[in-house]
Amino acid sequence: MDRFPDSKIVEQKPGMCKIEMDVNDGYGMRMWLMSQGQMVKIIHPLYMRQYLLDEMKAALAHYDRAIVEQHKTENLRLL
């Protein structure tokens, strides 16, 4: 809420807070959302939700490839 002072809490439950905010969809906002990790779930707009999903999948793909390559290398050492 400190970054977005015009935000409104529209629902609050233990462990969950739904916040409504008017923001731009610039690079800074996208990076801020990415930095929140699992603490944030975008509900709307759908294009921003899709952006976040695509970015997370691309980041995970880097690690999936690294794990596969590491296993291949380890298996070659065992042979």
PDB file of N, CA and C in Angstrom:
ATOM      1  N   MET A   1       0.830  -1.194   0.000  1.00  0.00           N
ATOM      2  CA  MET A   1       0.000   0.000   0.000  1.00  0.00           C
ATOM      3  C   MET A   1       0.877   1.262   0.000  1.00  0.00           C
ATOM      4  N   ASP A   2       2.109   1.157   0.520  1.00  0.00           N
ATOM      5  CA  ASP A   2       2.968   2.340   0.542  1.00  0.00           C
ATOM      6  C   ASP A   2       3.404   2.748  -0.863  1.00  0.00           C
ATOM      7  N   ARG A   3       3.544   1.804  -1.765  1.00  0.00           N
ATOM      8  CA  ARG A   3       3.924   2.116  -3.151  1.00  0.00           C
ATOM      9  C   ARG A   3       2.746   2.663  -3.951  1.00  0.00           C
ATOM     10  N   PHE A   4       1.552   2.293  -3.559  1.00  0.00           N
ATOM     11  CA  PHE A   4       0.340   2.684  -4.285  1.00  0.00           C
ATOM     12  C   PHE A   4      -0.649   3.296  -3.295  1.00  0.00           C
ATOM     13  N   PRO A   5      -0.443   4.549  -2.914  1.00  0.00           N
ATOM     14  CA  PRO A   5      -1.246   5.170  -1.857  1.00  0.00           C
ATOM     15  C   PRO A   5      -2.731   5.301  -2.188  1.00  0.00           C
ATOM     16  N   ASP A   6      -3.108   5.235  -3.459  1.00  0.00           N
ATOM     17  CA  ASP A   6      -4.524   5.331  -3.822  1.00  0.00           C
ATOM     18  C   ASP A   6      -5.213   3.969  -3.811  1.00  0.00           C
ATOM     19  N   SER A   7      -4.511   2.930  -3.406  1.00  0.00           N
ATOM     20  CA  SER A   7      -5.076   1.575  -3.374  1.00  0.00           C
ATOM     21  C   SER A   7      -6.181   1.483  -2.329  1.00  0.00           C
ATOM     22  N   LYS A   8      -7.086   0.540  -2.557  1.00  0.00           N
ATOM     23  CA  LYS A   8      -8.181   0.304  -1.623  1.00  0.00           C
ATOM     24  C   LYS A   8      -8.222  -1.170  -1.265  1.00  0.00           C
ATOM     25  N   ILE A   9      -8.341  -1.471   0.018  1.00  0.00           N
ATOM     26  CA  ILE A   9      -8.557  -2.847   0.454  1.00  0.00           C
ATOM     27  C   ILE A   9     -10.044  -3.124   0.269  1.00  0.00           C
ATOM     28  N   VAL A  10     -10.356  -4.109  -0.580  1.00  0.00           N
ATOM     29  CA  VAL A  10     -11.769  -4.406  -0.858  1.00  0.00           C
ATOM     30  C   VAL A  10     -12.232  -5.667  -0.152  1.00  0.00           C
ATOM     31  N   GLU A  11     -11.298  -6.466   0.340  1.00  0.00           N
ATOM     32  CA  GLU A  11     -11.664  -7.682   1.083  1.00  0.00           C
ATOM     33  C   GLU A  11     -10.459  -8.097   1.914  1.00  0.00           C
ATOM     34  N   GLN A  12     -10.740  -8.545   3.136  1.00  0.00           N
ATOM     35  CA  GLN A  12      -9.646  -8.976   3.994  1.00  0.00           C
ATOM     36  C   GLN A  12     -10.093 -10.181   4.812  1.00  0.00           C
ATOM     37  N   LYS A  13      -9.265 -11.224   4.765  1.00  0.00           N
ATOM     38  CA  LYS A  13      -9.486 -12.451   5.531  1.00  0.00           C
ATOM     39  C   LYS A  13      -8.137 -12.837   6.133  1.00  0.00           C
ATOM     40  N   PRO A  14      -8.115 -13.738   7.079  1.00  0.00           N
ATOM     41  CA  PRO A  14      -6.821 -14.177   7.613  1.00  0.00           C
ATOM     42  C   PRO A  14      -5.925 -14.732   6.500  1.00  0.00           C
ATOM     43  N   GLY A  15      -4.743 -14.154   6.356  1.00  0.00           N
ATOM     44  CA  GLY A  15      -3.797 -14.610   5.349  1.00  0.00           C
ATOM     45  C   GLY A  15      -4.064 -14.130   3.929  1.00  0.00           C
ATOM     46  N   MET A  16      -5.095 -13.281   3.738  1.00  0.00           N
ATOM     47  CA  MET A  16      -5.440 -12.829   2.395  1.00  0.00           C
ATOM     48  C   MET A  16      -5.994 -11.413   2.466  1.00  0.00           C
ATOM     49  N   CYS A  17      -5.582 -10.625   1.497  1.00  0.00           N
ATOM     50  CA  CYS A  17      -6.066  -9.256   1.393  1.00  0.00           C
ATOM     51  C   CYS A  17      -6.259  -8.946  -0.077  1.00  0.00           C
ATOM     52  N   LYS A  18      -7.464  -8.592  -0.481  1.00  0.00           N
ATOM     53  CA  LYS A  18      -7.735  -8.220  -1.867  1.00  0.00           C
ATOM     54  C   LYS A  18      -7.644  -6.705  -1.974  1.00  0.00           C
ATOM     55  N   ILE A  19      -6.751  -6.275  -2.867  1.00  0.00           N
ATOM     56  CA  ILE A  19      -6.493  -4.841  -3.034  1.00  0.00           C
ATOM     57  C   ILE A  19      -6.838  -4.431  -4.452  1.00  0.00           C
ATOM     58  N   GLU A  20      -7.475  -3.294  -4.571  1.00  0.00           N
ATOM     59  CA  GLU A  20      -7.799  -2.721  -5.878  1.00  0.00           C
ATOM     60  C   GLU A  20      -6.938  -1.476  -6.051  1.00  0.00           C
ATOM     61  N   MET A  21      -6.282  -1.392  -7.201  1.00  0.00           N
ATOM     62  CA  MET A  21      -5.434  -0.228  -7.443  1.00  0.00           C
ATOM     63  C   MET A  21      -5.452   0.153  -8.902  1.00  0.00           C
ATOM     64  N   ASP A  22      -5.353   1.431  -9.149  1.00  0.00           N
ATOM     65  CA  ASP A  22      -5.225   1.957 -10.505  1.00  0.00           C
ATOM     66  C   ASP A  22      -3.745   2.207 -10.750  1.00  0.00           C
ATOM     67  N   VAL A  23      -3.200   1.509 -11.744  1.00  0.00           N
ATOM     68  CA  VAL A  23      -1.775   1.645 -12.054  1.00  0.00           C
ATOM     69  C   VAL A  23      -1.589   1.629 -13.567  1.00  0.00           C
ATOM     70  N   ASN A  24      -0.402   2.021 -14.006  1.00  0.00           N
ATOM     71  CA  ASN A  24      -0.082   1.858 -15.418  1.00  0.00           C
ATOM     72  C   ASN A  24       0.468   0.449 -15.623  1.00  0.00           C
ATOM     73  N   ASP A  25       0.672   0.060 -16.837  1.00  0.00           N
ATOM     74  CA  ASP A  25       1.224  -1.283 -17.049  1.00  0.00           C
ATOM     75  C   ASP A  25       2.649  -1.189 -17.592  1.00  0.00           C
ATOM     76  N   GLY A  26       3.377  -0.215 -17.100  1.00  0.00           N
ATOM     77  CA  GLY A  26       4.747  -0.006 -17.538  1.00  0.00           C
ATOM     78  C   GLY A  26       5.721  -1.023 -16.968  1.00  0.00           C
ATOM     79  N   TYR A  27       6.958  -0.870 -17.385  1.00  0.00           N
ATOM     80  CA  TYR A  27       8.023  -1.777 -16.974  1.00  0.00           C
ATOM     81  C   TYR A  27       8.176  -1.840 -15.454  1.00  0.00           C
ATOM     82  N   GLY A  28       8.132  -0.691 -14.791  1.00  0.00           N
ATOM     83  CA  GLY A  28       8.277  -0.644 -13.336  1.00  0.00           C
ATOM     84  C   GLY A  28       7.210  -1.442 -12.615  1.00  0.00           C
ATOM     85  N   MET A  29       5.970  -1.305 -13.057  1.00  0.00           N
ATOM     86  CA  MET A  29       4.871  -2.048 -12.437  1.00  0.00           C
ATOM     87  C   MET A  29       5.037  -3.541 -12.659  1.00  0.00           C
ATOM     88  N   ARG A  30       5.422  -3.915 -13.858  1.00  0.00           N
ATOM     89  CA  ARG A  30       5.610  -5.343 -14.162  1.00  0.00           C
ATOM     90  C   ARG A  30       6.736  -5.930 -13.318  1.00  0.00           C
ATOM     91  N   MET A  31       7.817  -5.198 -13.157  1.00  0.00           N
ATOM     92  CA  MET A  31       8.932  -5.689 -12.347  1.00  0.00           C
ATOM     93  C   MET A  31       8.540  -5.771 -10.875  1.00  0.00           C
ATOM     94  N   TRP A  32       7.746  -4.809 -10.422  1.00  0.00           N
ATOM     95  CA  TRP A  32       7.280  -4.854  -9.037  1.00  0.00           C
ATOM     96  C   TRP A  32       6.424  -6.100  -8.821  1.00  0.00           C
ATOM     97  N   LEU A  33       5.525  -6.372  -9.749  1.00  0.00           N
ATOM     98  CA  LEU A  33       4.685  -7.576  -9.624  1.00  0.00           C
ATOM     99  C   LEU A  33       5.536  -8.839  -9.592  1.00  0.00           C
ATOM    100  N   MET A  34       6.526  -8.910 -10.476  1.00  0.00           N
ATOM    101  CA  MET A  34       7.409 -10.078 -10.501  1.00  0.00           C
ATOM    102  C   MET A  34       8.154 -10.225  -9.174  1.00  0.00           C
ATOM    103  N   SER A  35       8.523  -9.123  -8.573  1.00  0.00           N
ATOM    104  CA  SER A  35       9.286  -9.189  -7.327  1.00  0.00           C
ATOM    105  C   SER A  35       8.440  -9.672  -6.151  1.00  0.00           C
ATOM    106  N   GLN A  36       7.135  -9.665  -6.298  1.00  0.00           N
ATOM    107  CA  GLN A  36       6.262 -10.087  -5.207  1.00  0.00           C
ATOM    108  C   GLN A  36       6.119 -11.607  -5.117  1.00  0.00           C
ATOM    109  N   GLY A  37       6.517 -12.290  -6.195  1.00  0.00           N
ATOM    110  CA  GLY A  37       6.494 -13.764  -6.181  1.00  0.00           C
ATOM    111  C   GLY A  37       5.136 -14.330  -5.833  1.00  0.00           C
ATOM    112  N   GLN A  38       5.140 -15.287  -4.925  1.00  0.00           N
ATOM    113  CA  GLN A  38       3.905 -15.991  -4.581  1.00  0.00           C
ATOM    114  C   GLN A  38       2.994 -15.194  -3.646  1.00  0.00           C
ATOM    115  N   MET A  39       3.413 -14.001  -3.251  1.00  0.00           N
ATOM    116  CA  MET A  39       2.580 -13.201  -2.354  1.00  0.00           C
ATOM    117  C   MET A  39       1.459 -12.468  -3.088  1.00  0.00           C
ATOM    118  N   VAL A  40       1.477 -12.512  -4.433  1.00  0.00           N
ATOM    119  CA  VAL A  40       0.509 -11.757  -5.226  1.00  0.00           C
ATOM    120  C   VAL A  40      -0.167 -12.663  -6.236  1.00  0.00           C
ATOM    121  N   LYS A  41      -1.453 -12.458  -6.407  1.00  0.00           N
ATOM    122  CA  LYS A  41      -2.207 -13.117  -7.477  1.00  0.00           C
ATOM    123  C   LYS A  41      -2.989 -12.029  -8.205  1.00  0.00           C
ATOM    124  N   ILE A  42      -2.718 -11.878  -9.485  1.00  0.00           N
ATOM    125  CA  ILE A  42      -3.419 -10.875 -10.280  1.00  0.00           C
ATOM    126  C   ILE A  42      -4.766 -11.446 -10.711  1.00  0.00           C
ATOM    127  N   ILE A  43      -5.802 -10.699 -10.473  1.00  0.00           N
ATOM    128  CA  ILE A  43      -7.145 -11.121 -10.883  1.00  0.00           C
ATOM    129  C   ILE A  43      -7.510 -10.438 -12.198  1.00  0.00           C
ATOM    130  N   HIS A  44      -7.319  -9.127 -12.270  1.00  0.00           N
ATOM    131  CA  HIS A  44      -7.588  -8.339 -13.464  1.00  0.00           C
ATOM    132  C   HIS A  44      -6.516  -7.283 -13.611  1.00  0.00           C
ATOM    133  N   PRO A  45      -6.185  -6.840 -14.742  1.00  0.00           N
ATOM    134  CA  PRO A  45      -6.668  -7.244 -16.061  1.00  0.00           C
ATOM    135  C   PRO A  45      -6.027  -8.573 -16.491  1.00  0.00           C
ATOM    136  N   LEU A  46      -6.729  -9.292 -17.334  1.00  0.00           N
ATOM    137  CA  LEU A  46      -6.274 -10.608 -17.757  1.00  0.00           C
ATOM    138  C   LEU A  46      -4.960 -10.563 -18.520  1.00  0.00           C
ATOM    139  N   TYR A  47      -4.732  -9.495 -19.313  1.00  0.00           N
ATOM    140  CA  TYR A  47      -3.474  -9.436 -20.062  1.00  0.00           C
ATOM    141  C   TYR A  47      -2.274  -9.316 -19.115  1.00  0.00           C
ATOM    142  N   MET A  48      -2.445  -8.640 -17.972  1.00  0.00           N
ATOM    143  CA  MET A  48      -1.355  -8.527 -17.004  1.00  0.00           C
ATOM    144  C   MET A  48      -1.143  -9.872 -16.299  1.00  0.00           C
ATOM    145  N   ARG A  49      -2.219 -10.555 -16.029  1.00  0.00           N
ATOM    146  CA  ARG A  49      -2.127 -11.892 -15.440  1.00  0.00           C
ATOM    147  C   ARG A  49      -1.374 -12.823 -16.388  1.00  0.00           C
ATOM    148  N   GLN A  50      -1.700 -12.762 -17.680  1.00  0.00           N
ATOM    149  CA  GLN A  50      -1.040 -13.602 -18.679  1.00  0.00           C
ATOM    150  C   GLN A  50       0.439 -13.244 -18.803  1.00  0.00           C
ATOM    151  N   TYR A  51       0.733 -11.958 -18.746  1.00  0.00           N
ATOM    152  CA  TYR A  51       2.132 -11.516 -18.800  1.00  0.00           C
ATOM    153  C   TYR A  51       2.925 -12.157 -17.661  1.00  0.00           C
ATOM    154  N   LEU A  52       2.374 -12.099 -16.463  1.00  0.00           N
ATOM    155  CA  LEU A  52       3.067 -12.650 -15.305  1.00  0.00           C
ATOM    156  C   LEU A  52       3.253 -14.161 -15.448  1.00  0.00           C
ATOM    157  N   LEU A  53       2.230 -14.851 -15.907  1.00  0.00           N
ATOM    158  CA  LEU A  53       2.341 -16.302 -16.131  1.00  0.00           C
ATOM    159  C   LEU A  53       3.416 -16.629 -17.155  1.00  0.00           C
ATOM    160  N   ASP A  54       3.430 -15.908 -18.253  1.00  0.00           N
ATOM    161  CA  ASP A  54       4.427 -16.153 -19.302  1.00  0.00           C
ATOM    162  C   ASP A  54       5.842 -15.914 -18.788  1.00  0.00           C
ATOM    163  N   GLU A  55       6.029 -14.840 -18.030  1.00  0.00           N
ATOM    164  CA  GLU A  55       7.351 -14.534 -17.488  1.00  0.00           C
ATOM    165  C   GLU A  55       7.811 -15.604 -16.498  1.00  0.00           C
ATOM    166  N   MET A  56       6.903 -16.057 -15.658  1.00  0.00           N
ATOM    167  CA  MET A  56       7.255 -17.095 -14.678  1.00  0.00           C
ATOM    168  C   MET A  56       7.601 -18.415 -15.367  1.00  0.00           C
ATOM    169  N   LYS A  57       6.840 -18.768 -16.373  1.00  0.00           N
ATOM    170  CA  LYS A  57       7.125 -19.998 -17.117  1.00  0.00           C
ATOM    171  C   LYS A  57       8.485 -19.914 -17.807  1.00  0.00           C
ATOM    172  N   ALA A  58       8.790 -18.767 -18.388  1.00  0.00           N
ATOM    173  CA  ALA A  58      10.076 -18.593 -19.059  1.00  0.00           C
ATOM    174  C   ALA A  58      11.222 -18.687 -18.056  1.00  0.00           C
ATOM    175  N   ALA A  59      11.047 -18.095 -16.884  1.00  0.00           N
ATOM    176  CA  ALA A  59      12.087 -18.167 -15.850  1.00  0.00           C
ATOM    177  C   ALA A  59      12.275 -19.605 -15.380  1.00  0.00           C
ATOM    178  N   LEU A  60      11.186 -20.321 -15.151  1.00  0.00           N
ATOM    179  CA  LEU A  60      11.277 -21.717 -14.725  1.00  0.00           C
ATOM    180  C   LEU A  60      11.937 -22.595 -15.778  1.00  0.00           C
ATOM    181  N   ALA A  61      11.707 -22.282 -17.027  1.00  0.00           N
ATOM    182  CA  ALA A  61      12.309 -23.067 -18.108  1.00  0.00           C
ATOM    183  C   ALA A  61      13.833 -23.019 -18.041  1.00  0.00           C
ATOM    184  N   HIS A  62      14.398 -21.900 -17.615  1.00  0.00           N
ATOM    185  CA  HIS A  62      15.850 -21.810 -17.465  1.00  0.00           C
ATOM    186  C   HIS A  62      16.337 -22.855 -16.463  1.00  0.00           C
ATOM    187  N   TYR A  63      15.619 -23.003 -15.365  1.00  0.00           N
ATOM    188  CA  TYR A  63      16.023 -23.937 -14.325  1.00  0.00           C
ATOM    189  C   TYR A  63      15.749 -25.369 -14.730  1.00  0.00           C
ATOM    190  N   ASP A  64      14.654 -25.617 -15.423  1.00  0.00           N
ATOM    191  CA  ASP A  64      14.364 -26.973 -15.899  1.00  0.00           C
ATOM    192  C   ASP A  64      15.481 -27.459 -16.799  1.00  0.00           C
ATOM    193  N   ARG A  65      15.930 -26.603 -17.717  1.00  0.00           N
ATOM    194  CA  ARG A  65      17.032 -26.977 -18.616  1.00  0.00           C
ATOM    195  C   ARG A  65      18.301 -27.241 -17.830  1.00  0.00           C
ATOM    196  N   ALA A  66      18.581 -26.427 -16.841  1.00  0.00           N
ATOM    197  CA  ALA A  66      19.800 -26.590 -16.048  1.00  0.00           C
ATOM    198  C   ALA A  66      19.754 -27.905 -15.277  1.00  0.00           C
ATOM    199  N   ILE A  67      18.600 -28.267 -14.755  1.00  0.00           N
ATOM    200  CA  ILE A  67      18.468 -29.518 -14.009  1.00  0.00           C
ATOM    201  C   ILE A  67      18.651 -30.713 -14.935  1.00  0.00           C
ATOM    202  N   VAL A  68      18.049 -30.665 -16.118  1.00  0.00           N
ATOM    203  CA  VAL A  68      18.203 -31.757 -17.087  1.00  0.00           C
ATOM    204  C   VAL A  68      19.666 -31.901 -17.485  1.00  0.00           C
ATOM    205  N   GLU A  69      20.332 -30.794 -17.775  1.00  0.00           N
ATOM    206  CA  GLU A  69      21.743 -30.838 -18.161  1.00  0.00           C
ATOM    207  C   GLU A  69      22.606 -31.371 -17.025  1.00  0.00           C
ATOM    208  N   GLN A  70      22.285 -30.998 -15.799  1.00  0.00           N
ATOM    209  CA  GLN A  70      23.053 -31.473 -14.646  1.00  0.00           C
ATOM    210  C   GLN A  70      22.896 -32.979 -14.502  1.00  0.00           C
ATOM    211  N   HIS A  71      21.677 -33.488 -14.676  1.00  0.00           N
ATOM    212  CA  HIS A  71      21.447 -34.935 -14.582  1.00  0.00           C
ATOM    213  C   HIS A  71      22.205 -35.678 -15.685  1.00  0.00           C
ATOM    214  N   LYS A  72      22.206 -35.112 -16.893  1.00  0.00           N
ATOM    215  CA  LYS A  72      22.941 -35.751 -17.998  1.00  0.00           C
ATOM    216  C   LYS A  72      24.418 -35.846 -17.656  1.00  0.00           C
ATOM    217  N   THR A  73      24.981 -34.771 -17.131  1.00  0.00           N
ATOM    218  CA  THR A  73      26.396 -34.742 -16.776  1.00  0.00           C
ATOM    219  C   THR A  73      26.679 -35.743 -15.667  1.00  0.00           C
ATOM    220  N   GLU A  74      25.823 -35.793 -14.665  1.00  0.00           N
ATOM    221  CA  GLU A  74      26.025 -36.722 -13.549  1.00  0.00           C
ATOM    222  C   GLU A  74      25.926 -38.167 -14.040  1.00  0.00           C
ATOM    223  N   ASN A  75      24.972 -38.438 -14.928  1.00  0.00           N
ATOM    224  CA  ASN A  75      24.823 -39.795 -15.460  1.00  0.00           C
ATOM    225  C   ASN A  75      26.024 -40.207 -16.292  1.00  0.00           C
ATOM    226  N   LEU A  76      26.611 -39.261 -17.038  1.00  0.00           N
ATOM    227  CA  LEU A  76      27.802 -39.575 -17.817  1.00  0.00           C
ATOM    228  C   LEU A  76      28.967 -39.912 -16.911  1.00  0.00           C
ATOM    229  N   ARG A  77      29.075 -39.250 -15.789  1.00  0.00           N
ATOM    230  CA  ARG A  77      30.159 -39.533 -14.843  1.00  0.00           C
ATOM    231  C   ARG A  77      30.007 -40.918 -14.264  1.00  0.00           C
ATOM    232  N   LEU A  78      28.765 -41.369 -14.080  1.00  0.00           N
ATOM    233  CA  LEU A  78      28.529 -42.692 -13.503  1.00  0.00           C
ATOM    234  C   LEU A  78      28.885 -43.813 -14.457  1.00  0.00           C
ATOM    235  N   LEU A  79      28.830 -43.535 -15.764  1.00  0.00           N
ATOM    236  CA  LEU A  79      29.133 -44.561 -16.768  1.00  0.00           C
ATOM    237  C   LEU A  79      30.582 -44.743 -16.817  1.00  0.00           C
TER     238      LEU A  79
END
